[in-house]
Amino acid sequence: MISLTQKNGIACAGNWIIDIVHSIDTWPQKSDLVRIQHEAIGVGGGAANVILDLAAFQADLPLYAVGLIGTDTHAEICLAACAAAKVDTRWLKQTPHHPTAHTQVMNVPGDSRTFFYHPGANDALNEADIPIGSIAAQNTKIFYLGYPNLLATLDKVEPSGETPAARILARAQSAGMITCVDLVSSATSDFAATVKATLPHTDYLFLNEIEAARATNRADIAPDDRARLLEAATVLQAQGAKTVILHTGTLALWLDQTAFWSSPEPINPAEILSPVGAGDAFCAGIIYAIHEGWTAEQALHLGHRAAAAALKSVTASGGIPPLAALI
């Protein structure tokens, strides 16, 4: 078996979604009408956003798309985006039995966004669709999974407390790959149990303050409450995650043997078109840094810069520049 330093490439497994982003001036009251000022269609979802952001860095890494899409027009958009980005799609499978997942995103520029999500093929993605042995055989260095709690079949908590997602991650680690798990702010009843199952097989856990609260069964955590953020991260680390990377809109925490805090550079609110994809861009920056063996400080700097670039685009990955513009 070759050493980790000799491995090269990143596989991104999980959610593939078409985002139809509607920019509106204000959120309407029930039964009211609001005009859509602008509409954009882009590829979204954890696996899709991270891999397309990594491709946008133009760093010449092997990139492997892993997931399940339909055979519809939305699937064609996913495949075209991967082809344009030179992403390998051999493990991005298609099924005629489910539509490609899609989301109606209501975006209020400078404020927030709301998602209306149709899970489609994402909920049918199963263990057999993710061939860890074949992925590892390419000497792939990092295996990313996003998002637990938005992949119904992989999220099923079994009587033993195990999930199919946890087994996939365990196999990835056994095959010599670094595992990265990226959470999503879904309000599912099994959120904490689903996350807990994956943690013993997670080398790097990515989450925000909302997900930290839900994963540890805590009350809401303020995005600038360092004490409670560290407390939640410490609990997740005790449950098995080797490194916890917790990010909010104003700061980030990298917790391994020690805790390292970092804050992004201020951004002009007038430049923010949409927060869609900012968290995934942050994740992509850090995953690239992990692949290259950078320090926590260097990784967080790139993550912040990538997230800031994402904020300046309506779609999730449209604003990501080459790596040279971010470092």
Protein backbone atom coordinates (compact mmCIF):
# COMPACT_ATOMS: atom_id res chain seq x y z
CA MET A 1 0.00 0.00 0.00
CA ILE A 2 1.38 3.42 -0.89
CA SER A 3 1.78 6.08 1.79
CA LEU A 4 -0.70 8.89 2.34
CA THR A 5 1.83 11.44 1.06
CA GLN A 6 1.94 9.60 -2.27
CA LYS A 7 -1.82 9.71 -2.72
CA ASN A 8 -3.51 12.35 -4.83
CA GLY A 9 -7.09 13.38 -5.47
CA ILE A 10 -10.41 14.00 -3.79
CA ALA A 11 -13.72 12.12 -4.08
CA CYS A 12 -16.87 14.03 -3.13
CA ALA A 13 -19.90 11.88 -2.35
CA GLY A 14 -23.43 12.79 -1.34
CA ASN A 15 -25.91 15.42 -2.40
CA TRP A 16 -26.32 16.51 -6.01
CA ILE A 17 -29.01 19.15 -6.40
CA ILE A 18 -30.14 21.68 -8.96
CA ASP A 19 -30.69 25.05 -7.26
CA ILE A 20 -33.19 27.40 -8.85
CA VAL A 21 -32.31 30.64 -7.08
CA HIS A 22 -34.93 33.39 -6.99
CA SER A 23 -33.77 36.79 -5.76
CA ILE A 24 -36.58 38.72 -4.07
CA ASP A 25 -36.68 42.09 -2.34
CA THR A 26 -38.37 40.91 0.83
CA TRP A 27 -39.93 37.79 2.34
CA PRO A 28 -43.73 37.89 1.90
CA GLN A 29 -46.36 37.42 4.53
CA LYS A 30 -48.59 34.38 4.15
CA SER A 31 -50.84 34.69 1.05
CA ASP A 32 -48.97 37.80 -0.16
CA LEU A 33 -47.25 38.17 -3.52
CA VAL A 34 -43.63 39.21 -4.03
CA ARG A 35 -41.89 39.76 -7.34
CA ILE A 36 -38.89 37.68 -8.39
CA GLN A 37 -36.25 40.21 -9.46
CA HIS A 38 -33.73 37.70 -10.80
CA GLU A 39 -33.55 33.95 -11.38
CA ALA A 40 -30.47 31.76 -11.75
CA ILE A 41 -30.02 28.01 -12.10
CA GLY A 42 -26.93 26.25 -10.79
CA VAL A 43 -25.68 22.97 -9.42
CA GLY A 44 -25.85 22.66 -5.62
CA GLY A 45 -25.60 20.21 -2.75
CA GLY A 46 -22.64 19.35 -0.56
CA ALA A 47 -20.76 17.00 -2.89
CA ALA A 48 -21.51 19.08 -5.97
CA ASN A 49 -20.58 22.45 -4.47
CA VAL A 50 -17.35 21.24 -2.90
CA ILE A 51 -16.11 19.43 -5.99
CA LEU A 52 -16.98 22.28 -8.36
CA ASP A 53 -15.31 24.77 -6.01
CA LEU A 54 -12.20 22.58 -5.93
CA ALA A 55 -12.26 22.43 -9.71
CA ALA A 56 -12.58 26.22 -9.87
CA PHE A 57 -9.31 26.48 -7.94
CA GLN A 58 -7.62 25.07 -11.08
CA ALA A 59 -5.11 23.20 -8.92
CA ASP A 60 -4.85 20.17 -11.24
CA LEU A 61 -6.10 17.61 -8.73
CA PRO A 62 -7.97 14.41 -9.71
CA LEU A 63 -11.58 15.06 -8.67
CA TYR A 64 -14.23 12.32 -8.53
CA ALA A 65 -17.97 13.00 -8.36
CA VAL A 66 -19.93 10.38 -6.42
CA GLY A 67 -23.71 10.31 -6.07
CA LEU A 68 -27.04 9.60 -7.69
CA ILE A 69 -28.99 11.73 -10.16
CA GLY A 70 -31.94 11.12 -12.44
CA THR A 71 -32.14 10.94 -16.23
CA ASP A 72 -33.87 14.29 -16.61
CA THR A 73 -32.94 17.82 -17.68
CA HIS A 74 -31.62 18.57 -14.20
CA ALA A 75 -29.28 15.59 -14.49
CA GLU A 76 -27.97 16.95 -17.78
CA ILE A 77 -27.13 20.24 -16.04
CA CYS A 78 -25.13 18.35 -13.37
CA LEU A 79 -23.21 16.34 -15.96
CA ALA A 80 -22.54 19.40 -18.12
CA ALA A 81 -21.17 21.30 -15.10
CA CYS A 82 -18.84 18.42 -14.28
CA ALA A 83 -17.69 18.12 -17.89
CA ALA A 84 -16.93 21.84 -18.04
CA ALA A 85 -14.96 21.57 -14.79
CA LYS A 86 -13.13 18.40 -15.91
CA VAL A 87 -14.53 16.40 -13.00
CA ASP A 88 -14.53 12.61 -13.34
CA THR A 89 -18.16 11.36 -13.26
CA ARG A 90 -17.63 7.60 -13.48
CA TRP A 91 -19.29 7.23 -10.03
CA LEU A 92 -22.03 9.82 -10.52
CA LYS A 93 -24.73 7.29 -11.30
CA GLN A 94 -28.07 7.88 -13.02
CA THR A 95 -31.41 6.26 -12.24
CA PRO A 96 -34.65 6.37 -14.23
CA HIS A 97 -36.64 5.72 -11.06
CA HIS A 98 -36.11 9.06 -9.28
CA PRO A 99 -35.81 12.67 -10.43
CA THR A 100 -32.66 14.64 -9.82
CA ALA A 101 -32.96 16.48 -6.51
CA HIS A 102 -33.77 20.15 -6.84
CA THR A 103 -34.33 23.16 -4.63
CA GLN A 104 -36.26 26.38 -5.00
CA VAL A 105 -34.06 28.91 -3.20
CA MET A 106 -35.63 32.19 -2.14
CA ASN A 107 -32.81 34.67 -1.70
CA VAL A 108 -33.13 38.12 -0.12
CA PRO A 109 -29.83 39.84 -1.08
CA GLY A 110 -27.95 41.06 1.96
CA ASP A 111 -30.22 39.10 4.29
CA SER A 112 -30.85 35.34 4.09
CA ARG A 113 -32.12 32.53 1.92
CA THR A 114 -34.86 29.91 2.34
CA PHE A 115 -34.87 26.48 0.71
CA PHE A 116 -37.78 24.42 -0.64
CA TYR A 117 -36.18 21.05 -1.29
CA HIS A 118 -37.25 18.01 -3.33
CA PRO A 119 -34.87 15.15 -2.37
CA GLY A 120 -35.44 12.93 -5.41
CA ALA A 121 -32.50 10.63 -6.15
CA ASN A 122 -30.50 11.80 -3.13
CA ASP A 123 -32.82 9.93 -0.79
CA ALA A 124 -32.28 6.74 -2.83
CA LEU A 125 -28.46 6.88 -2.72
CA ASN A 126 -27.27 3.71 -0.96
CA GLU A 127 -24.09 1.91 0.05
CA ALA A 128 -23.83 0.01 -3.24
CA ASP A 129 -23.77 3.30 -5.13
CA ILE A 130 -20.52 4.35 -3.43
CA PRO A 131 -17.78 1.85 -4.41
CA ILE A 132 -15.12 2.66 -1.82
CA GLY A 133 -12.76 -0.03 -3.10
CA SER A 134 -12.78 1.35 -6.63
CA ILE A 135 -12.37 4.93 -5.39
CA ALA A 136 -9.44 3.97 -3.17
CA ALA A 137 -7.87 2.02 -6.05
CA GLN A 138 -7.25 5.37 -7.78
CA ASN A 139 -4.96 6.27 -4.87
CA THR A 140 -7.48 8.91 -3.83
CA LYS A 141 -6.30 10.82 -0.78
CA ILE A 142 -9.53 12.34 0.60
CA PHE A 143 -13.09 11.04 0.76
CA TYR A 144 -15.72 13.71 1.47
CA LEU A 145 -19.35 13.00 2.43
CA GLY A 146 -22.01 15.72 2.48
CA TYR A 147 -24.55 15.92 3.82
CA PRO A 148 -25.59 13.44 6.51
CA ASN A 149 -29.21 14.13 7.50
CA LEU A 150 -30.09 14.91 3.89
CA LEU A 151 -29.52 11.39 2.49
CA ALA A 152 -32.47 9.33 3.73
CA THR A 153 -31.22 5.83 2.91
CA LEU A 154 -27.70 6.45 4.21
CA ASP A 155 -29.05 8.23 7.31
CA LYS A 156 -31.19 5.37 8.61
CA VAL A 157 -30.21 4.73 12.24
CA GLU A 158 -30.22 0.99 12.88
CA PRO A 159 -30.93 -0.64 16.26
CA SER A 160 -27.17 -0.90 16.82
CA GLY A 161 -26.86 2.87 16.43
CA GLU A 162 -24.97 2.41 13.17
CA THR A 163 -25.93 4.00 9.84
CA PRO A 164 -25.03 3.05 6.26
CA ALA A 165 -23.15 6.36 6.01
CA ALA A 166 -21.01 5.34 9.00
CA ARG A 167 -20.13 2.04 7.31
CA ILE A 168 -19.10 3.87 4.14
CA LEU A 169 -16.81 6.16 6.13
CA ALA A 170 -15.35 3.22 8.04
CA ARG A 171 -14.49 1.50 4.77
CA ALA A 172 -12.95 4.69 3.42
CA GLN A 173 -10.69 4.98 6.46
CA SER A 174 -9.75 1.30 6.26
CA ALA A 175 -8.84 1.84 2.60
CA GLY A 176 -6.39 4.54 3.66
CA MET A 177 -8.35 7.66 2.77
CA ILE A 178 -8.79 10.76 4.92
CA THR A 179 -12.51 11.21 5.67
CA CYS A 180 -14.26 14.59 5.73
CA VAL A 181 -17.89 14.90 6.82
CA ASP A 182 -19.91 18.06 6.16
CA LEU A 183 -23.18 18.66 8.00
CA VAL A 184 -26.33 20.51 6.94
CA SER A 185 -28.83 22.52 8.99
CA SER A 186 -31.77 20.15 8.60
CA ALA A 187 -34.30 19.79 11.40
CA THR A 188 -34.59 16.00 11.51
CA SER A 189 -35.56 14.06 14.62
CA ASP A 190 -32.52 11.75 14.35
CA PHE A 191 -30.01 14.55 13.67
CA ALA A 192 -27.80 13.90 16.71
CA ALA A 193 -27.96 10.12 16.38
CA THR A 194 -27.08 10.24 12.68
CA VAL A 195 -24.10 12.49 13.33
CA LYS A 196 -22.91 10.47 16.32
CA ALA A 197 -22.81 7.30 14.22
CA THR A 198 -20.39 8.86 11.74
CA LEU A 199 -18.00 10.48 14.23
CA PRO A 200 -15.75 7.48 15.04
CA HIS A 201 -14.99 7.29 11.31
CA THR A 202 -14.54 11.03 10.71
CA ASP A 203 -11.11 12.60 10.41
CA TYR A 204 -12.44 16.13 9.79
CA LEU A 205 -15.94 17.29 10.75
CA PHE A 206 -17.33 20.50 9.21
CA LEU A 207 -20.35 22.23 10.75
CA ASN A 208 -21.83 25.59 11.74
CA GLU A 209 -23.28 26.80 15.03
CA ILE A 210 -26.80 25.59 14.23
CA GLU A 211 -25.57 22.11 13.41
CA ALA A 212 -23.31 22.09 16.48
CA ALA A 213 -26.31 22.76 18.71
CA ARG A 214 -28.42 20.06 17.07
CA ALA A 215 -25.64 17.48 16.98
CA THR A 216 -25.03 17.88 20.73
CA ASN A 217 -28.69 18.34 21.76
CA ARG A 218 -28.03 21.87 23.02
CA ALA A 219 -30.04 25.07 22.86
CA ASP A 220 -29.22 27.49 20.07
CA ILE A 221 -25.64 28.74 20.13
CA ALA A 222 -24.88 32.36 19.24
CA PRO A 223 -22.41 32.63 16.34
CA ASP A 224 -19.94 34.61 18.47
CA ASP A 225 -20.21 32.56 21.70
CA ARG A 226 -16.73 31.06 21.78
CA ALA A 227 -17.22 29.24 25.07
CA ARG A 228 -20.31 27.33 23.93
CA LEU A 229 -18.92 26.70 20.44
CA LEU A 230 -15.79 25.17 21.96
CA GLU A 231 -17.90 23.16 24.40
CA ALA A 232 -19.96 21.65 21.56
CA ALA A 233 -16.87 20.95 19.46
CA THR A 234 -15.22 19.23 22.42
CA VAL A 235 -18.26 16.95 22.86
CA LEU A 236 -18.17 15.98 19.18
CA GLN A 237 -14.46 15.28 19.39
CA ALA A 238 -15.02 13.10 22.45
CA GLN A 239 -17.58 11.13 20.41
CA GLY A 240 -14.93 10.27 17.82
CA ALA A 241 -14.22 13.10 15.38
CA LYS A 242 -10.44 13.64 15.19
CA THR A 243 -10.63 17.29 14.11
CA VAL A 244 -13.68 19.55 14.41
CA ILE A 245 -13.90 22.62 12.17
CA LEU A 246 -16.76 24.81 13.32
CA HIS A 247 -17.61 27.95 11.36
CA THR A 248 -20.05 30.83 11.74
CA GLY A 249 -20.47 34.06 9.82
CA THR A 250 -17.98 35.83 12.08
CA LEU A 251 -15.39 33.25 13.16
CA ALA A 252 -14.10 29.71 12.85
CA LEU A 253 -12.71 27.14 15.26
CA TRP A 254 -10.22 24.40 14.39
CA LEU A 255 -10.09 21.88 17.23
CA ASP A 256 -7.60 19.02 17.20
CA GLN A 257 -5.09 18.66 20.05
CA THR A 258 -5.49 22.40 20.63
CA ALA A 259 -8.07 25.03 19.71
CA PHE A 260 -7.26 27.60 17.03
CA TRP A 261 -9.64 30.49 16.30
CA SER A 262 -9.79 32.59 13.16
CA SER A 263 -12.01 35.39 11.82
CA PRO A 264 -12.65 36.31 8.18
CA GLU A 265 -11.75 39.68 6.73
CA PRO A 266 -14.71 42.10 6.66
CA ILE A 267 -16.71 42.17 3.44
CA ASN A 268 -18.77 45.06 2.12
CA PRO A 269 -22.46 44.09 2.57
CA ALA A 270 -23.22 45.69 -0.80
CA GLU A 271 -21.03 43.02 -2.45
CA ILE A 272 -23.01 40.12 -1.01
CA LEU A 273 -25.40 38.71 -3.60
CA SER A 274 -26.26 35.43 -1.83
CA PRO A 275 -24.98 33.26 1.05
CA VAL A 276 -25.87 30.13 -0.96
CA GLY A 277 -22.75 27.97 -1.13
CA ALA A 278 -20.53 30.04 1.19
CA GLY A 279 -20.23 27.26 3.76
CA ASP A 280 -19.34 24.72 1.08
CA ALA A 281 -16.73 27.09 -0.38
CA PHE A 282 -15.21 27.39 3.10
CA CYS A 283 -15.15 23.60 3.30
CA ALA A 284 -13.59 23.26 -0.16
CA GLY A 285 -10.79 25.65 0.74
CA ILE A 286 -9.95 23.72 3.86
CA ILE A 287 -10.15 20.34 2.13
CA TYR A 288 -7.67 21.55 -0.46
CA ALA A 289 -5.36 22.71 2.36
CA ILE A 290 -5.69 19.33 4.10
CA HIS A 291 -4.80 17.60 0.84
CA GLU A 292 -1.69 19.75 0.55
CA GLY A 293 -0.67 19.38 4.22
CA TRP A 294 -1.10 23.05 5.17
CA THR A 295 -1.34 24.31 8.75
CA ALA A 296 -4.66 25.06 10.44
CA GLU A 297 -3.99 28.79 10.11
CA GLN A 298 -3.31 28.52 6.37
CA ALA A 299 -6.34 26.27 5.87
CA LEU A 300 -8.75 28.60 7.66
CA HIS A 301 -7.40 31.60 5.74
CA LEU A 302 -8.12 29.89 2.42
CA GLY A 303 -11.53 28.74 3.67
CA HIS A 304 -12.51 32.28 4.65
CA ARG A 305 -11.31 33.70 1.34
CA ALA A 306 -13.20 31.09 -0.67
CA ALA A 307 -16.39 31.72 1.34
CA ALA A 308 -16.09 35.47 0.74
CA ALA A 309 -15.79 34.84 -3.00
CA ALA A 310 -18.90 32.65 -2.95
CA LEU A 311 -20.91 35.42 -1.29
CA LYS A 312 -20.41 37.58 -4.38
CA SER A 313 -22.31 35.19 -6.66
CA VAL A 314 -25.98 34.21 -6.80
CA THR A 315 -25.17 30.54 -7.46
CA ALA A 316 -23.20 28.29 -5.13
CA SER A 317 -19.96 28.01 -7.11
CA GLY A 318 -20.20 30.80 -9.66
CA GLY A 319 -17.95 33.22 -7.79
CA ILE A 320 -15.00 30.93 -7.00
CA PRO A 321 -11.78 32.14 -8.68
CA PRO A 322 -8.54 30.23 -9.32
CA LEU A 323 -6.46 29.41 -6.24
CA ALA A 324 -3.88 32.08 -7.03
CA ALA A 325 -6.49 34.78 -6.41
CA LEU A 326 -7.29 33.43 -2.95
CA ILE A 327 -3.91 32.84 -1.31
